[in-house]
Amino acid sequence: MRVRRLRPGGRWTARRRRVLLRRRWRAVVYRAPLAALLALAGLLAGVVTAAVITSFLVPGAVVAGLLLLGFLAYALRVVPLAPAGRGRGWPGASGGGAGVREPRRPRPHSPAGAAARRLDDEDIALT
């Protein structure tokens, strides 16, 4: 699936999304550029090397894990595969706005001030 994006120079480009996993109505999509992946690999190599040299293996592993989790949160997205609402394949669905529900009828209510109106003397005598 391709998404068209406007570059700062004003030119449109197509950016390819890689679908990593499909499950029923959702897909996991990788959206990060290659430069971000290379930067992550360099950072992880530096953190692991520094942790081994300085013998701080546990803090180094924690920092490496946080870097990896942050990159995964940046790079991966869960997107729906099916469009929202009922499409044209459903019986009775019209072309435009098929997923929009009709508004409900308003509930009946008494006119404004009817409950607070005082009874006249004639109305009291009749009851």
C-alpha atoms as a PDB file:
ATOM      1  CA  MET A   1       0.000   0.000   0.000  1.00  0.00           C
ATOM      2  CA  ARG A   2       1.407   3.400  -0.937  1.00  0.00           C
ATOM      3  CA  VAL A   3       0.844   6.719   0.771  1.00  0.00           C
ATOM      4  CA  ARG A   4       1.465   9.961  -1.103  1.00  0.00           C
ATOM      5  CA  ARG A   5       3.347  12.587   0.890  1.00  0.00           C
ATOM      6  CA  LEU A   6       4.358  16.146   0.085  1.00  0.00           C
ATOM      7  CA  ARG A   7       8.096  16.812   0.407  1.00  0.00           C
ATOM      8  CA  PRO A   8       9.365  20.152   1.747  1.00  0.00           C
ATOM      9  CA  GLY A   9      10.248  21.148  -1.823  1.00  0.00           C
ATOM     10  CA  GLY A  10       6.603  20.743  -2.836  1.00  0.00           C
ATOM     11  CA  ARG A  11       6.978  17.479  -4.779  1.00  0.00           C
ATOM     12  CA  TRP A  12       4.765  14.466  -4.158  1.00  0.00           C
ATOM     13  CA  THR A  13       6.457  11.167  -3.416  1.00  0.00           C
ATOM     14  CA  ALA A  14       5.142   7.695  -2.771  1.00  0.00           C
ATOM     15  CA  ARG A  15       6.344   6.068   0.433  1.00  0.00           C
ATOM     16  CA  ARG A  16       6.083   2.308   0.635  1.00  0.00           C
ATOM     17  CA  ARG A  17       4.689   0.690   3.767  1.00  0.00           C
ATOM     18  CA  ARG A  18       5.771  -2.831   4.572  1.00  0.00           C
ATOM     19  CA  VAL A  19       3.068  -5.075   6.029  1.00  0.00           C
ATOM     20  CA  LEU A  20       4.733  -7.359   8.555  1.00  0.00           C
ATOM     21  CA  LEU A  21       1.725  -9.208   9.974  1.00  0.00           C
ATOM     22  CA  ARG A  22      -1.933  -9.565   9.008  1.00  0.00           C
ATOM     23  CA  ARG A  23      -4.595 -10.662  11.477  1.00  0.00           C
ATOM     24  CA  ARG A  24      -8.266 -10.665  10.511  1.00  0.00           C
ATOM     25  CA  TRP A  25      -9.095  -6.974  10.105  1.00  0.00           C
ATOM     26  CA  ARG A  26      -5.798  -5.411  11.231  1.00  0.00           C
ATOM     27  CA  ALA A  27      -2.233  -5.326   9.982  1.00  0.00           C
ATOM     28  CA  VAL A  28       1.093  -4.386  11.577  1.00  0.00           C
ATOM     29  CA  VAL A  29       2.870  -1.947   9.259  1.00  0.00           C
ATOM     30  CA  TYR A  30       6.544  -0.885   9.329  1.00  0.00           C
ATOM     31  CA  ARG A  31       6.763   2.845   8.557  1.00  0.00           C
ATOM     32  CA  ALA A  32      10.274   3.966   9.536  1.00  0.00           C
ATOM     33  CA  PRO A  33      12.844   4.994   6.916  1.00  0.00           C
ATOM     34  CA  LEU A  34      16.069   3.051   6.413  1.00  0.00           C
ATOM     35  CA  ALA A  35      18.132   5.853   7.966  1.00  0.00           C
ATOM     36  CA  ALA A  36      16.279   5.452  11.274  1.00  0.00           C
ATOM     37  CA  LEU A  37      16.989   1.710  11.278  1.00  0.00           C
ATOM     38  CA  LEU A  38      20.693   2.332  10.621  1.00  0.00           C
ATOM     39  CA  ALA A  39      20.807   4.949  13.390  1.00  0.00           C
ATOM     40  CA  LEU A  40      19.210   2.458  15.799  1.00  0.00           C
ATOM     41  CA  ALA A  41      21.738  -0.223  14.845  1.00  0.00           C
ATOM     42  CA  GLY A  42      24.620   2.209  15.490  1.00  0.00           C
ATOM     43  CA  LEU A  43      23.191   3.328  18.841  1.00  0.00           C
ATOM     44  CA  LEU A  44      22.588  -0.246  19.991  1.00  0.00           C
ATOM     45  CA  ALA A  45      26.114  -1.290  18.963  1.00  0.00           C
ATOM     46  CA  GLY A  46      27.572   1.659  20.879  1.00  0.00           C
ATOM     47  CA  VAL A  47      25.509   0.971  24.019  1.00  0.00           C
ATOM     48  CA  VAL A  48      26.306  -2.742  24.045  1.00  0.00           C
ATOM     49  CA  THR A  49      30.033  -2.093  23.435  1.00  0.00           C
ATOM     50  CA  ALA A  50      30.177   0.512  26.211  1.00  0.00           C
ATOM     51  CA  ALA A  51      28.319  -1.807  28.588  1.00  0.00           C
ATOM     52  CA  VAL A  52      30.714  -4.686  27.942  1.00  0.00           C
ATOM     53  CA  ILE A  53      33.842  -2.505  28.247  1.00  0.00           C
ATOM     54  CA  THR A  54      32.711  -0.848  31.488  1.00  0.00           C
ATOM     55  CA  SER A  55      31.181  -4.060  32.975  1.00  0.00           C
ATOM     56  CA  PHE A  56      27.806  -2.351  33.454  1.00  0.00           C
ATOM     57  CA  LEU A  57      25.860  -5.113  31.747  1.00  0.00           C
ATOM     58  CA  VAL A  58      22.482  -4.685  33.495  1.00  0.00           C
ATOM     59  CA  PRO A  59      22.221  -0.892  32.988  1.00  0.00           C
ATOM     60  CA  GLY A  60      23.464  -1.348  29.424  1.00  0.00           C
ATOM     61  CA  ALA A  61      20.797  -3.971  28.756  1.00  0.00           C
ATOM     62  CA  VAL A  62      18.119  -1.663  30.197  1.00  0.00           C
ATOM     63  CA  VAL A  63      19.237   1.234  27.992  1.00  0.00           C
ATOM     64  CA  ALA A  64      19.409  -1.021  24.927  1.00  0.00           C
ATOM     65  CA  GLY A  65      15.919  -2.364  25.653  1.00  0.00           C
ATOM     66  CA  LEU A  66      14.503   1.140  26.047  1.00  0.00           C
ATOM     67  CA  LEU A  67      16.107   2.191  22.753  1.00  0.00           C
ATOM     68  CA  LEU A  68      14.616  -0.817  21.016  1.00  0.00           C
ATOM     69  CA  LEU A  69      11.149  -0.243  22.512  1.00  0.00           C
ATOM     70  CA  GLY A  70      11.210   3.413  21.528  1.00  0.00           C
ATOM     71  CA  PHE A  71      12.174   2.546  17.967  1.00  0.00           C
ATOM     72  CA  LEU A  72       9.438  -0.090  17.725  1.00  0.00           C
ATOM     73  CA  ALA A  73       6.870   2.428  18.979  1.00  0.00           C
ATOM     74  CA  TYR A  74       8.075   4.873  16.309  1.00  0.00           C
ATOM     75  CA  ALA A  75       8.338   2.397  13.446  1.00  0.00           C
ATOM     76  CA  LEU A  76       5.377   0.026  13.832  1.00  0.00           C
ATOM     77  CA  ARG A  77       1.687   0.878  13.510  1.00  0.00           C
ATOM     78  CA  VAL A  78      -1.463  -1.229  13.738  1.00  0.00           C
ATOM     79  CA  VAL A  79      -3.843  -0.222  10.946  1.00  0.00           C
ATOM     80  CA  PRO A  80      -7.313  -1.502  10.030  1.00  0.00           C
ATOM     81  CA  LEU A  81      -7.593  -3.397   6.751  1.00  0.00           C
ATOM     82  CA  ALA A  82     -11.320  -2.878   6.153  1.00  0.00           C
ATOM     83  CA  PRO A  83     -12.860   0.579   5.774  1.00  0.00           C
ATOM     84  CA  ALA A  84     -15.141   1.805   8.539  1.00  0.00           C
ATOM     85  CA  GLY A  85     -18.863   1.369   8.001  1.00  0.00           C
ATOM     86  CA  ARG A  86     -20.753  -0.818   5.598  1.00  0.00           C
ATOM     87  CA  GLY A  87     -19.656  -0.606   2.020  1.00  0.00           C
ATOM     88  CA  ARG A  88     -21.490  -1.167  -1.226  1.00  0.00           C
ATOM     89  CA  GLY A  89     -21.526  -4.936  -0.813  1.00  0.00           C
ATOM     90  CA  TRP A  90     -24.186  -4.782   1.902  1.00  0.00           C
ATOM     91  CA  PRO A  91     -27.867  -4.863   0.954  1.00  0.00           C
ATOM     92  CA  GLY A  92     -29.569  -1.501   1.244  1.00  0.00           C
ATOM     93  CA  ALA A  93     -26.338   0.477   1.465  1.00  0.00           C
ATOM     94  CA  SER A  94     -26.280   3.608  -0.605  1.00  0.00           C
ATOM     95  CA  GLY A  95     -23.183   5.074  -2.231  1.00  0.00           C
ATOM     96  CA  GLY A  96     -22.293   8.064  -0.083  1.00  0.00           C
ATOM     97  CA  GLY A  97     -22.264   8.078   3.692  1.00  0.00           C
ATOM     98  CA  ALA A  98     -23.336   4.461   4.031  1.00  0.00           C
ATOM     99  CA  GLY A  99     -21.682   4.164   7.437  1.00  0.00           C
ATOM    100  CA  VAL A 100     -23.596   7.123   8.885  1.00  0.00           C
ATOM    101  CA  ARG A 101     -26.568   6.326  11.078  1.00  0.00           C
ATOM    102  CA  GLU A 102     -29.914   8.069  10.803  1.00  0.00           C
ATOM    103  CA  PRO A 103     -30.721  10.359  13.713  1.00  0.00           C
ATOM    104  CA  ARG A 104     -33.296   9.113  16.205  1.00  0.00           C
ATOM    105  CA  ARG A 105     -36.654  10.717  16.788  1.00  0.00           C
ATOM    106  CA  PRO A 106     -36.691  12.995  19.801  1.00  0.00           C
ATOM    107  CA  ARG A 107     -38.395  11.578  22.890  1.00  0.00           C
ATOM    108  CA  PRO A 108     -41.780  13.031  23.735  1.00  0.00           C
ATOM    109  CA  HIS A 109     -41.729  15.604  26.508  1.00  0.00           C
ATOM    110  CA  SER A 110     -44.147  18.047  28.008  1.00  0.00           C
ATOM    111  CA  PRO A 111     -44.132  21.657  26.832  1.00  0.00           C
ATOM    112  CA  ALA A 112     -41.877  24.072  28.664  1.00  0.00           C
ATOM    113  CA  GLY A 113     -43.289  25.064  32.045  1.00  0.00           C
ATOM    114  CA  ALA A 114     -46.199  22.575  32.001  1.00  0.00           C
ATOM    115  CA  ALA A 115     -45.088  20.812  35.164  1.00  0.00           C
ATOM    116  CA  ALA A 116     -44.573  24.043  37.075  1.00  0.00           C
ATOM    117  CA  ARG A 117     -47.924  25.652  36.142  1.00  0.00           C
ATOM    118  CA  ARG A 118     -50.244  26.322  39.046  1.00  0.00           C
ATOM    119  CA  LEU A 119     -53.751  24.966  38.938  1.00  0.00           C
ATOM    120  CA  ASP A 120     -56.585  27.482  38.837  1.00  0.00           C
ATOM    121  CA  ASP A 121     -59.409  27.385  41.343  1.00  0.00           C
ATOM    122  CA  GLU A 122     -61.769  26.097  38.647  1.00  0.00           C
ATOM    123  CA  ASP A 123     -59.426  23.184  37.866  1.00  0.00           C
ATOM    124  CA  ILE A 124     -59.189  22.273  41.556  1.00  0.00           C
ATOM    125  CA  ALA A 125     -63.004  22.258  41.882  1.00  0.00           C
ATOM    126  CA  LEU A 126     -63.405  19.943  38.920  1.00  0.00           C
ATOM    127  CA  THR A 127     -61.076  17.319  40.325  1.00  0.00           C
END
